[in-house]
Amino acid sequence: MSTGKIIKYTILMLWVVCFLNVLMPLTIILNYLLIFLIVAHFLEFIIFYKKIKKNKIKNFLMVMIFGYLHIQKLDYYDKTKQ
């Protein structure tokens, strides 16, 4: 398994744990982490909005989940097209 997939699965697991904490509270720290993740990824979307040209809804969701990893992927695809 590639390193990129391991990182993506780890990020997904972090999101799942944070949302499960909302349903079944374990600790307040995970609630703060969830708020931080949502705000940070939304700010990333606003900052890098110009790099997102196609499928804005799909890319918005991907940036909200994976953050800068998805933006790097978009940059890579743009560079390989040229």
PDB file of N, CA and C in Angstrom:
ATOM      1  N   MET A   1       0.848  -1.178   0.000  1.00  0.00           N
ATOM      2  CA  MET A   1       0.000   0.000   0.000  1.00  0.00           C
ATOM      3  C   MET A   1       0.891   1.238   0.000  1.00  0.00           C
ATOM      4  N   SER A   2       0.522   2.217  -0.816  1.00  0.00           N
ATOM      5  CA  SER A   2       1.351   3.410  -0.935  1.00  0.00           C
ATOM      6  C   SER A   2       1.181   4.317   0.286  1.00  0.00           C
ATOM      7  N   THR A   3       2.151   5.178   0.463  1.00  0.00           N
ATOM      8  CA  THR A   3       2.131   6.101   1.593  1.00  0.00           C
ATOM      9  C   THR A   3       0.944   7.051   1.505  1.00  0.00           C
ATOM     10  N   GLY A   4       0.609   7.482   0.284  1.00  0.00           N
ATOM     11  CA  GLY A   4      -0.522   8.391   0.102  1.00  0.00           C
ATOM     12  C   GLY A   4      -1.827   7.783   0.564  1.00  0.00           C
ATOM     13  N   LYS A   5      -2.030   6.506   0.257  1.00  0.00           N
ATOM     14  CA  LYS A   5      -3.264   5.838   0.681  1.00  0.00           C
ATOM     15  C   LYS A   5      -3.305   5.666   2.196  1.00  0.00           C
ATOM     16  N   ILE A   6      -2.171   5.369   2.794  1.00  0.00           N
ATOM     17  CA  ILE A   6      -2.126   5.230   4.251  1.00  0.00           C
ATOM     18  C   ILE A   6      -2.489   6.556   4.913  1.00  0.00           C
ATOM     19  N   ILE A   7      -1.961   7.652   4.382  1.00  0.00           N
ATOM     20  CA  ILE A   7      -2.268   8.969   4.939  1.00  0.00           C
ATOM     21  C   ILE A   7      -3.753   9.282   4.774  1.00  0.00           C
ATOM     22  N   LYS A   8      -4.309   8.987   3.594  1.00  0.00           N
ATOM     23  CA  LYS A   8      -5.734   9.252   3.366  1.00  0.00           C
ATOM     24  C   LYS A   8      -6.616   8.431   4.292  1.00  0.00           C
ATOM     25  N   TYR A   9      -6.301   7.158   4.476  1.00  0.00           N
ATOM     26  CA  TYR A   9      -7.091   6.328   5.380  1.00  0.00           C
ATOM     27  C   TYR A   9      -6.972   6.804   6.823  1.00  0.00           C
ATOM     28  N   THR A  10      -5.803   7.282   7.193  1.00  0.00           N
ATOM     29  CA  THR A  10      -5.618   7.821   8.542  1.00  0.00           C
ATOM     30  C   THR A  10      -6.465   9.067   8.746  1.00  0.00           C
ATOM     31  N   ILE A  11      -6.482   9.938   7.757  1.00  0.00           N
ATOM     32  CA  ILE A  11      -7.296  11.150   7.840  1.00  0.00           C
ATOM     33  C   ILE A  11      -8.775  10.793   7.920  1.00  0.00           C
ATOM     34  N   LEU A  12      -9.205   9.833   7.102  1.00  0.00           N
ATOM     35  CA  LEU A  12     -10.608   9.409   7.155  1.00  0.00           C
ATOM     36  C   LEU A  12     -10.972   8.845   8.520  1.00  0.00           C
ATOM     37  N   MET A  13     -10.085   8.060   9.099  1.00  0.00           N
ATOM     38  CA  MET A  13     -10.343   7.504  10.423  1.00  0.00           C
ATOM     39  C   MET A  13     -10.443   8.610  11.482  1.00  0.00           C
ATOM     40  N   LEU A  14      -9.619   9.638  11.350  1.00  0.00           N
ATOM     41  CA  LEU A  14      -9.676  10.766  12.272  1.00  0.00           C
ATOM     42  C   LEU A  14     -11.032  11.462  12.188  1.00  0.00           C
ATOM     43  N   TRP A  15     -11.529  11.689  10.957  1.00  0.00           N
ATOM     44  CA  TRP A  15     -12.848  12.291  10.773  1.00  0.00           C
ATOM     45  C   TRP A  15     -13.940  11.413  11.384  1.00  0.00           C
ATOM     46  N   VAL A  16     -13.857  10.109  11.142  1.00  0.00           N
ATOM     47  CA  VAL A  16     -14.863   9.188  11.674  1.00  0.00           C
ATOM     48  C   VAL A  16     -14.874   9.223  13.199  1.00  0.00           C
ATOM     49  N   VAL A  17     -13.704   9.202  13.804  1.00  0.00           N
ATOM     50  CA  VAL A  17     -13.617   9.242  15.272  1.00  0.00           C
ATOM     51  C   VAL A  17     -14.198  10.553  15.799  1.00  0.00           C
ATOM     52  N   CYS A  18     -13.897  11.661  15.129  1.00  0.00           N
ATOM     53  CA  CYS A  18     -14.424  12.957  15.575  1.00  0.00           C
ATOM     54  C   CYS A  18     -15.946  13.005  15.478  1.00  0.00           C
ATOM     55  N   PHE A  19     -16.506  12.490  14.370  1.00  0.00           N
ATOM     56  CA  PHE A  19     -17.963  12.513  14.234  1.00  0.00           C
ATOM     57  C   PHE A  19     -18.638  11.512  15.169  1.00  0.00           C
ATOM     58  N   LEU A  20     -18.001  10.384  15.415  1.00  0.00           N
ATOM     59  CA  LEU A  20     -18.555   9.441  16.389  1.00  0.00           C
ATOM     60  C   LEU A  20     -18.568  10.036  17.789  1.00  0.00           C
ATOM     61  N   ASN A  21     -17.587  10.867  18.069  1.00  0.00           N
ATOM     62  CA  ASN A  21     -17.530  11.529  19.368  1.00  0.00           C
ATOM     63  C   ASN A  21     -18.707  12.481  19.547  1.00  0.00           C
ATOM     64  N   VAL A  22     -19.216  13.039  18.461  1.00  0.00           N
ATOM     65  CA  VAL A  22     -20.390  13.898  18.553  1.00  0.00           C
ATOM     66  C   VAL A  22     -21.609  13.060  18.955  1.00  0.00           C
ATOM     67  N   LEU A  23     -21.712  11.857  18.390  1.00  0.00           N
ATOM     68  CA  LEU A  23     -22.853  10.992  18.691  1.00  0.00           C
ATOM     69  C   LEU A  23     -22.736  10.310  20.051  1.00  0.00           C
ATOM     70  N   MET A  24     -21.530   9.860  20.362  1.00  0.00           N
ATOM     71  CA  MET A  24     -21.271   9.190  21.645  1.00  0.00           C
ATOM     72  C   MET A  24     -20.080   9.878  22.320  1.00  0.00           C
ATOM     73  N   PRO A  25     -20.337  10.930  23.073  1.00  0.00           N
ATOM     74  CA  PRO A  25     -19.236  11.739  23.629  1.00  0.00           C
ATOM     75  C   PRO A  25     -18.266  10.939  24.509  1.00  0.00           C
ATOM     76  N   LEU A  26     -16.999  11.076  24.164  1.00  0.00           N
ATOM     77  CA  LEU A  26     -15.924  10.476  24.948  1.00  0.00           C
ATOM     78  C   LEU A  26     -15.101  11.549  25.637  1.00  0.00           C
ATOM     79  N   THR A  27     -14.682  12.526  24.836  1.00  0.00           N
ATOM     80  CA  THR A  27     -13.861  13.597  25.386  1.00  0.00           C
ATOM     81  C   THR A  27     -14.124  14.890  24.621  1.00  0.00           C
ATOM     82  N   ILE A  28     -13.989  15.993  25.299  1.00  0.00           N
ATOM     83  CA  ILE A  28     -14.221  17.306  24.696  1.00  0.00           C
ATOM     84  C   ILE A  28     -13.115  17.660  23.704  1.00  0.00           C
ATOM     85  N   ILE A  29     -11.947  17.075  23.870  1.00  0.00           N
ATOM     86  CA  ILE A  29     -10.815  17.367  22.986  1.00  0.00           C
ATOM     87  C   ILE A  29     -11.143  17.003  21.551  1.00  0.00           C
ATOM     88  N   LEU A  30     -11.837  15.892  21.344  1.00  0.00           N
ATOM     89  CA  LEU A  30     -12.216  15.494  19.986  1.00  0.00           C
ATOM     90  C   LEU A  30     -13.222  16.466  19.378  1.00  0.00           C
ATOM     91  N   ASN A  31     -14.059  17.070  20.203  1.00  0.00           N
ATOM     92  CA  ASN A  31     -14.972  18.099  19.689  1.00  0.00           C
ATOM     93  C   ASN A  31     -14.197  19.325  19.221  1.00  0.00           C
ATOM     94  N   TYR A  32     -13.203  19.721  19.999  1.00  0.00           N
ATOM     95  CA  TYR A  32     -12.368  20.848  19.583  1.00  0.00           C
ATOM     96  C   TYR A  32     -11.571  20.509  18.325  1.00  0.00           C
ATOM     97  N   LEU A  33     -11.102  19.281  18.230  1.00  0.00           N
ATOM     98  CA  LEU A  33     -10.384  18.846  17.038  1.00  0.00           C
ATOM     99  C   LEU A  33     -11.286  18.899  15.813  1.00  0.00           C
ATOM    100  N   LEU A  34     -12.529  18.479  15.955  1.00  0.00           N
ATOM    101  CA  LEU A  34     -13.485  18.523  14.845  1.00  0.00           C
ATOM    102  C   LEU A  34     -13.720  19.958  14.392  1.00  0.00           C
ATOM    103  N   ILE A  35     -13.916  20.856  15.325  1.00  0.00           N
ATOM    104  CA  ILE A  35     -14.105  22.273  14.986  1.00  0.00           C
ATOM    105  C   ILE A  35     -12.875  22.819  14.281  1.00  0.00           C
ATOM    106  N   PHE A  36     -11.695  22.481  14.800  1.00  0.00           N
ATOM    107  CA  PHE A  36     -10.454  22.942  14.177  1.00  0.00           C
ATOM    108  C   PHE A  36     -10.334  22.417  12.751  1.00  0.00           C
ATOM    109  N   LEU A  37     -10.621  21.137  12.530  1.00  0.00           N
ATOM    110  CA  LEU A  37     -10.526  20.559  11.195  1.00  0.00           C
ATOM    111  C   LEU A  37     -11.472  21.237  10.214  1.00  0.00           C
ATOM    112  N   ILE A  38     -12.691  21.472  10.642  1.00  0.00           N
ATOM    113  CA  ILE A  38     -13.668  22.107   9.758  1.00  0.00           C
ATOM    114  C   ILE A  38     -13.240  23.518   9.398  1.00  0.00           C
ATOM    115  N   VAL A  39     -12.830  24.288  10.375  1.00  0.00           N
ATOM    116  CA  VAL A  39     -12.421  25.681  10.119  1.00  0.00           C
ATOM    117  C   VAL A  39     -11.154  25.725   9.262  1.00  0.00           C
ATOM    118  N   ALA A  40     -10.161  24.902   9.592  1.00  0.00           N
ATOM    119  CA  ALA A  40      -8.895  24.916   8.847  1.00  0.00           C
ATOM    120  C   ALA A  40      -9.105  24.511   7.392  1.00  0.00           C
ATOM    121  N   HIS A  41      -9.897  23.490   7.151  1.00  0.00           N
ATOM    122  CA  HIS A  41     -10.104  23.041   5.775  1.00  0.00           C
ATOM    123  C   HIS A  41     -10.982  24.014   4.997  1.00  0.00           C
ATOM    124  N   PHE A  42     -11.907  24.670   5.661  1.00  0.00           N
ATOM    125  CA  PHE A  42     -12.695  25.694   4.979  1.00  0.00           C
ATOM    126  C   PHE A  42     -11.814  26.873   4.585  1.00  0.00           C
ATOM    127  N   LEU A  43     -10.898  27.255   5.465  1.00  0.00           N
ATOM    128  CA  LEU A  43      -9.959  28.334   5.121  1.00  0.00           C
ATOM    129  C   LEU A  43      -9.050  27.921   3.964  1.00  0.00           C
ATOM    130  N   GLU A  44      -8.626  26.665   3.928  1.00  0.00           N
ATOM    131  CA  GLU A  44      -7.830  26.178   2.796  1.00  0.00           C
ATOM    132  C   GLU A  44      -8.613  26.285   1.504  1.00  0.00           C
ATOM    133  N   PHE A  45      -9.879  25.937   1.544  1.00  0.00           N
ATOM    134  CA  PHE A  45     -10.704  26.043   0.346  1.00  0.00           C
ATOM    135  C   PHE A  45     -10.790  27.487  -0.123  1.00  0.00           C
ATOM    136  N   ILE A  46     -10.982  28.417   0.796  1.00  0.00           N
ATOM    137  CA  ILE A  46     -11.071  29.839   0.427  1.00  0.00           C
ATOM    138  C   ILE A  46      -9.739  30.327  -0.136  1.00  0.00           C
ATOM    139  N   ILE A  47      -8.635  29.956   0.488  1.00  0.00           N
ATOM    140  CA  ILE A  47      -7.321  30.422   0.055  1.00  0.00           C
ATOM    141  C   ILE A  47      -6.965  29.877  -1.316  1.00  0.00           C
ATOM    142  N   PHE A  48      -7.248  28.603  -1.557  1.00  0.00           N
ATOM    143  CA  PHE A  48      -6.867  27.961  -2.814  1.00  0.00           C
ATOM    144  C   PHE A  48      -8.022  27.863  -3.801  1.00  0.00           C
ATOM    145  N   TYR A  49      -9.016  28.722  -3.674  1.00  0.00           N
ATOM    146  CA  TYR A  49     -10.204  28.671  -4.531  1.00  0.00           C
ATOM    147  C   TYR A  49      -9.861  28.804  -6.013  1.00  0.00           C
ATOM    148  N   LYS A  50      -8.875  29.621  -6.330  1.00  0.00           N
ATOM    149  CA  LYS A  50      -8.513  29.855  -7.733  1.00  0.00           C
ATOM    150  C   LYS A  50      -7.909  28.615  -8.391  1.00  0.00           C
ATOM    151  N   LYS A  51      -7.323  27.722  -7.616  1.00  0.00           N
ATOM    152  CA  LYS A  51      -6.736  26.501  -8.180  1.00  0.00           C
ATOM    153  C   LYS A  51      -7.797  25.466  -8.521  1.00  0.00           C
ATOM    154  N   ILE A  52      -8.985  25.628  -7.965  1.00  0.00           N
ATOM    155  CA  ILE A  52     -10.060  24.674  -8.207  1.00  0.00           C
ATOM    156  C   ILE A  52     -10.890  25.202  -9.371  1.00  0.00           C
ATOM    157  N   LYS A  53     -10.734  24.547 -10.521  1.00  0.00           N
ATOM    158  CA  LYS A  53     -11.382  25.042 -11.736  1.00  0.00           C
ATOM    159  C   LYS A  53     -12.602  24.224 -12.124  1.00  0.00           C
ATOM    160  N   LYS A  54     -12.544  22.920 -11.997  1.00  0.00           N
ATOM    161  CA  LYS A  54     -13.637  22.039 -12.412  1.00  0.00           C
ATOM    162  C   LYS A  54     -14.235  21.349 -11.192  1.00  0.00           C
ATOM    163  N   ASN A  55     -15.488  20.935 -11.327  1.00  0.00           N
ATOM    164  CA  ASN A  55     -16.176  20.183 -10.274  1.00  0.00           C
ATOM    165  C   ASN A  55     -16.006  20.831  -8.904  1.00  0.00           C
ATOM    166  N   LYS A  56     -16.462  22.044  -8.784  1.00  0.00           N
ATOM    167  CA  LYS A  56     -16.239  22.787  -7.535  1.00  0.00           C
ATOM    168  C   LYS A  56     -16.867  22.113  -6.325  1.00  0.00           C
ATOM    169  N   ILE A  57     -18.024  21.496  -6.496  1.00  0.00           N
ATOM    170  CA  ILE A  57     -18.673  20.843  -5.349  1.00  0.00           C
ATOM    171  C   ILE A  57     -17.869  19.630  -4.907  1.00  0.00           C
ATOM    172  N   LYS A  58     -17.468  18.801  -5.870  1.00  0.00           N
ATOM    173  CA  LYS A  58     -16.665  17.614  -5.531  1.00  0.00           C
ATOM    174  C   LYS A  58     -15.344  18.028  -4.893  1.00  0.00           C
ATOM    175  N   ASN A  59     -14.686  19.001  -5.491  1.00  0.00           N
ATOM    176  CA  ASN A  59     -13.401  19.449  -4.963  1.00  0.00           C
ATOM    177  C   ASN A  59     -13.555  20.131  -3.608  1.00  0.00           C
ATOM    178  N   PHE A  60     -14.674  20.821  -3.383  1.00  0.00           N
ATOM    179  CA  PHE A  60     -14.922  21.405  -2.060  1.00  0.00           C
ATOM    180  C   PHE A  60     -14.990  20.300  -1.010  1.00  0.00           C
ATOM    181  N   LEU A  61     -15.737  19.242  -1.299  1.00  0.00           N
ATOM    182  CA  LEU A  61     -15.848  18.137  -0.350  1.00  0.00           C
ATOM    183  C   LEU A  61     -14.503  17.453  -0.127  1.00  0.00           C
ATOM    184  N   MET A  62     -13.736  17.271  -1.192  1.00  0.00           N
ATOM    185  CA  MET A  62     -12.429  16.622  -1.057  1.00  0.00           C
ATOM    186  C   MET A  62     -11.465  17.488  -0.239  1.00  0.00           C
ATOM    187  N   VAL A  63     -11.512  18.801  -0.442  1.00  0.00           N
ATOM    188  CA  VAL A  63     -10.656  19.696   0.349  1.00  0.00           C
ATOM    189  C   VAL A  63     -11.114  19.700   1.806  1.00  0.00           C
ATOM    190  N   MET A  64     -12.415  19.646   2.034  1.00  0.00           N
ATOM    191  CA  MET A  64     -12.907  19.610   3.411  1.00  0.00           C
ATOM    192  C   MET A  64     -12.484  18.330   4.121  1.00  0.00           C
ATOM    193  N   ILE A  65     -12.326  17.243   3.379  1.00  0.00           N
ATOM    194  CA  ILE A  65     -11.923  15.980   4.001  1.00  0.00           C
ATOM    195  C   ILE A  65     -10.406  15.862   4.081  1.00  0.00           C
ATOM    196  N   PHE A  66      -9.730  16.055   2.957  1.00  0.00           N
ATOM    197  CA  PHE A  66      -8.292  15.788   2.893  1.00  0.00           C
ATOM    198  C   PHE A  66      -7.419  17.040   2.944  1.00  0.00           C
ATOM    199  N   GLY A  67      -8.014  18.200   2.805  1.00  0.00           N
ATOM    200  CA  GLY A  67      -7.261  19.442   2.927  1.00  0.00           C
ATOM    201  C   GLY A  67      -6.236  19.641   1.829  1.00  0.00           C
ATOM    202  N   TYR A  68      -5.048  20.006   2.232  1.00  0.00           N
ATOM    203  CA  TYR A  68      -3.999  20.365   1.288  1.00  0.00           C
ATOM    204  C   TYR A  68      -3.539  19.173   0.450  1.00  0.00           C
ATOM    205  N   LEU A  69      -3.736  17.963   0.928  1.00  0.00           N
ATOM    206  CA  LEU A  69      -3.375  16.791   0.125  1.00  0.00           C
ATOM    207  C   LEU A  69      -4.124  16.785  -1.199  1.00  0.00           C
ATOM    208  N   HIS A  70      -5.386  17.151  -1.169  1.00  0.00           N
ATOM    209  CA  HIS A  70      -6.171  17.185  -2.408  1.00  0.00           C
ATOM    210  C   HIS A  70      -5.715  18.334  -3.302  1.00  0.00           C
ATOM    211  N   ILE A  71      -5.362  19.452  -2.726  1.00  0.00           N
ATOM    212  CA  ILE A  71      -4.896  20.589  -3.523  1.00  0.00           C
ATOM    213  C   ILE A  71      -3.576  20.245  -4.213  1.00  0.00           C
ATOM    214  N   GLN A  72      -2.702  19.515  -3.523  1.00  0.00           N
ATOM    215  CA  GLN A  72      -1.459  19.061  -4.146  1.00  0.00           C
ATOM    216  C   GLN A  72      -1.746  18.150  -5.327  1.00  0.00           C
ATOM    217  N   LYS A  73      -2.737  17.301  -5.192  1.00  0.00           N
ATOM    218  CA  LYS A  73      -3.127  16.404  -6.282  1.00  0.00           C
ATOM    219  C   LYS A  73      -3.619  17.210  -7.484  1.00  0.00           C
ATOM    220  N   LEU A  74      -4.405  18.256  -7.242  1.00  0.00           N
ATOM    221  CA  LEU A  74      -4.874  19.113  -8.327  1.00  0.00           C
ATOM    222  C   LEU A  74      -3.702  19.802  -9.018  1.00  0.00           C
ATOM    223  N   ASP A  75      -2.735  20.284  -8.232  1.00  0.00           N
ATOM    224  CA  ASP A  75      -1.538  20.911  -8.806  1.00  0.00           C
ATOM    225  C   ASP A  75      -0.772  19.928  -9.677  1.00  0.00           C
ATOM    226  N   TYR A  76      -0.638  18.698  -9.212  1.00  0.00           N
ATOM    227  CA  TYR A  76       0.093  17.676  -9.955  1.00  0.00           C
ATOM    228  C   TYR A  76      -0.587  17.398 -11.299  1.00  0.00           C
ATOM    229  N   TYR A  77      -1.921  17.284 -11.285  1.00  0.00           N
ATOM    230  CA  TYR A  77      -2.642  17.029 -12.541  1.00  0.00           C
ATOM    231  C   TYR A  77      -2.538  18.202 -13.497  1.00  0.00           C
ATOM    232  N   ASP A  78      -2.552  19.426 -12.979  1.00  0.00           N
ATOM    233  CA  ASP A  78      -2.404  20.613 -13.834  1.00  0.00           C
ATOM    234  C   ASP A  78      -1.028  20.656 -14.477  1.00  0.00           C
ATOM    235  N   LYS A  79       0.006  20.281 -13.731  1.00  0.00           N
ATOM    236  CA  LYS A  79       1.376  20.320 -14.268  1.00  0.00           C
ATOM    237  C   LYS A  79       1.603  19.214 -15.304  1.00  0.00           C
ATOM    238  N   THR A  80       0.988  18.064 -15.123  1.00  0.00           N
ATOM    239  CA  THR A  80       1.199  16.966 -16.064  1.00  0.00           C
ATOM    240  C   THR A  80       0.417  17.181 -17.354  1.00  0.00           C
ATOM    241  N   LYS A  81      -0.633  17.982 -17.335  1.00  0.00           N
ATOM    242  CA  LYS A  81      -1.404  18.279 -18.554  1.00  0.00           C
ATOM    243  C   LYS A  81      -0.594  19.146 -19.517  1.00  0.00           C
ATOM    244  N   GLN A  82       0.253  19.995 -18.983  1.00  0.00           N
ATOM    245  CA  GLN A  82       0.976  20.958 -19.824  1.00  0.00           C
ATOM    246  C   GLN A  82       2.150  20.352 -20.469  1.00  0.00           C
TER     247      GLN A  82
END
